[in-house]
Amino acid sequence: MNPESYEQALKRMHEEADAADMVNRPPHYNQSGIECIDAIAAATEEGYEYYLQGNIIKYLWRYRYKNGVQDLQKASWYLDQLIKRLGDNDDAKR
C-alpha cells in the first residue's frame, strides 16, 4: 500500500471539511477530543463573555464580504453561547 501523497491528503481533508458541520462543530477546532471553545472558556474565565461578544461582532461585520449566511450562522452560534452563559450566571445568582 502506497502512502498518501500530500495532494491526496489535502484533497481528502477538504472533502471531509466540506462534509462536516462548519458552523457547530468544525473539525479543525477539535484536537484530541478537546474543543477549542472549551479550552478558551477555561483559560479566559470571566473574559469568555467578551470573547463571545467579539466573535459575534466579527461575523456580523464580515458576512457580506466573506461567507454570507454561514457567517451569520456562526454569529448566531456565538450569540447562543453567550445567552447560555449569561443564563447560567443568572441562575447561579438566584
Protein backbone atom coordinates (compact mmCIF):
# COMPACT_ATOMS: atom_id res chain seq x y z
CA MET A 1 0.00 0.00 0.00
CA ASN A 2 1.46 3.36 -1.06
CA PRO A 3 1.44 6.25 1.40
CA GLU A 4 -0.95 9.05 0.62
CA SER A 5 0.62 11.95 -1.27
CA TYR A 6 0.41 15.47 0.07
CA GLU A 7 -2.05 16.43 -2.66
CA GLN A 8 -4.23 13.40 -1.94
CA ALA A 9 -4.21 14.13 1.79
CA LEU A 10 -5.09 17.77 1.17
CA LYS A 11 -7.94 16.80 -1.14
CA ARG A 12 -9.25 14.27 1.41
CA MET A 13 -9.10 16.87 4.20
CA HIS A 14 -11.03 19.38 2.08
CA GLU A 15 -13.66 16.76 1.25
CA GLU A 16 -14.04 15.88 4.93
CA ALA A 17 -14.32 19.56 5.86
CA ASP A 18 -16.98 20.11 3.19
CA ALA A 19 -18.99 17.22 4.66
CA ALA A 20 -18.53 18.48 8.22
CA ASP A 21 -20.74 20.95 10.05
CA MET A 22 -18.61 24.06 9.65
CA VAL A 23 -20.79 26.13 11.98
CA ASN A 24 -21.45 23.95 15.02
CA ARG A 25 -18.51 21.53 15.01
CA PRO A 26 -15.77 22.44 12.55
CA PRO A 27 -13.23 19.61 12.66
CA HIS A 28 -10.24 21.98 12.70
CA TYR A 29 -11.33 23.22 16.16
CA ASN A 30 -11.27 19.78 17.77
CA GLN A 31 -7.96 18.15 18.54
CA SER A 32 -7.55 15.04 20.69
CA GLY A 33 -11.21 15.27 21.72
CA ILE A 34 -10.86 18.78 23.13
CA GLU A 35 -12.99 21.53 21.62
CA CYS A 36 -11.08 24.78 21.18
CA ILE A 37 -14.05 26.77 22.53
CA ASP A 38 -13.93 24.79 25.79
CA ALA A 39 -10.21 25.49 26.18
CA ILE A 40 -10.81 29.21 25.56
CA ALA A 41 -13.64 29.28 28.14
CA ALA A 42 -11.41 27.62 30.73
CA ALA A 43 -8.46 29.89 30.01
CA THR A 44 -10.35 33.20 29.94
CA GLU A 45 -12.87 32.60 32.75
CA GLU A 46 -14.86 35.86 33.10
CA GLY A 47 -13.31 37.25 29.91
CA TYR A 48 -15.04 34.48 27.95
CA GLU A 49 -18.17 36.63 27.62
CA TYR A 50 -16.11 39.34 25.91
CA TYR A 51 -14.56 36.74 23.63
CA LEU A 52 -18.04 35.59 22.58
CA GLN A 53 -19.17 39.18 22.04
CA GLY A 54 -16.11 39.90 19.88
CA ASN A 55 -16.81 36.90 17.67
CA ILE A 56 -20.46 37.92 17.26
CA ILE A 57 -19.33 41.34 16.06
CA LYS A 58 -16.66 39.83 13.79
CA TYR A 59 -19.05 37.50 11.97
CA LEU A 60 -21.75 40.16 11.61
CA TRP A 61 -19.14 42.60 10.31
CA ARG A 62 -17.80 40.34 7.57
CA TYR A 63 -20.79 38.28 6.40
CA ARG A 64 -21.42 40.40 3.28
CA TYR A 65 -17.80 40.15 2.19
CA LYS A 66 -16.72 36.64 3.06
CA ASN A 67 -19.02 33.68 3.79
CA GLY A 68 -22.53 35.15 3.69
CA VAL A 69 -25.13 33.08 5.52
CA GLN A 70 -22.51 30.81 7.07
CA ASP A 71 -21.02 33.81 8.89
CA LEU A 72 -24.49 34.79 10.11
CA GLN A 73 -24.95 31.25 11.39
CA LYS A 74 -21.62 31.48 13.20
CA ALA A 75 -22.64 34.82 14.75
CA SER A 76 -25.86 33.15 15.86
CA TRP A 77 -23.91 30.23 17.35
CA TYR A 78 -21.74 32.59 19.42
CA LEU A 79 -24.83 34.56 20.47
CA ASP A 80 -26.47 31.32 21.63
CA GLN A 81 -23.34 30.51 23.66
CA LEU A 82 -23.41 33.98 25.24
CA ILE A 83 -27.10 33.64 26.10
CA LYS A 84 -26.45 30.23 27.69
CA ARG A 85 -23.50 31.62 29.62
CA LEU A 86 -25.47 34.61 30.92
CA GLY A 87 -28.46 32.41 31.68
CA ASP A 88 -26.25 30.07 33.71
CA ASN A 89 -24.79 33.05 35.57
CA ASP A 90 -28.29 34.45 36.27
CA ASP A 91 -29.44 31.06 37.58
CA ALA A 92 -26.38 30.85 39.87
CA LYS A 93 -27.17 34.30 41.34
CA ARG A 94 -30.70 33.25 42.36
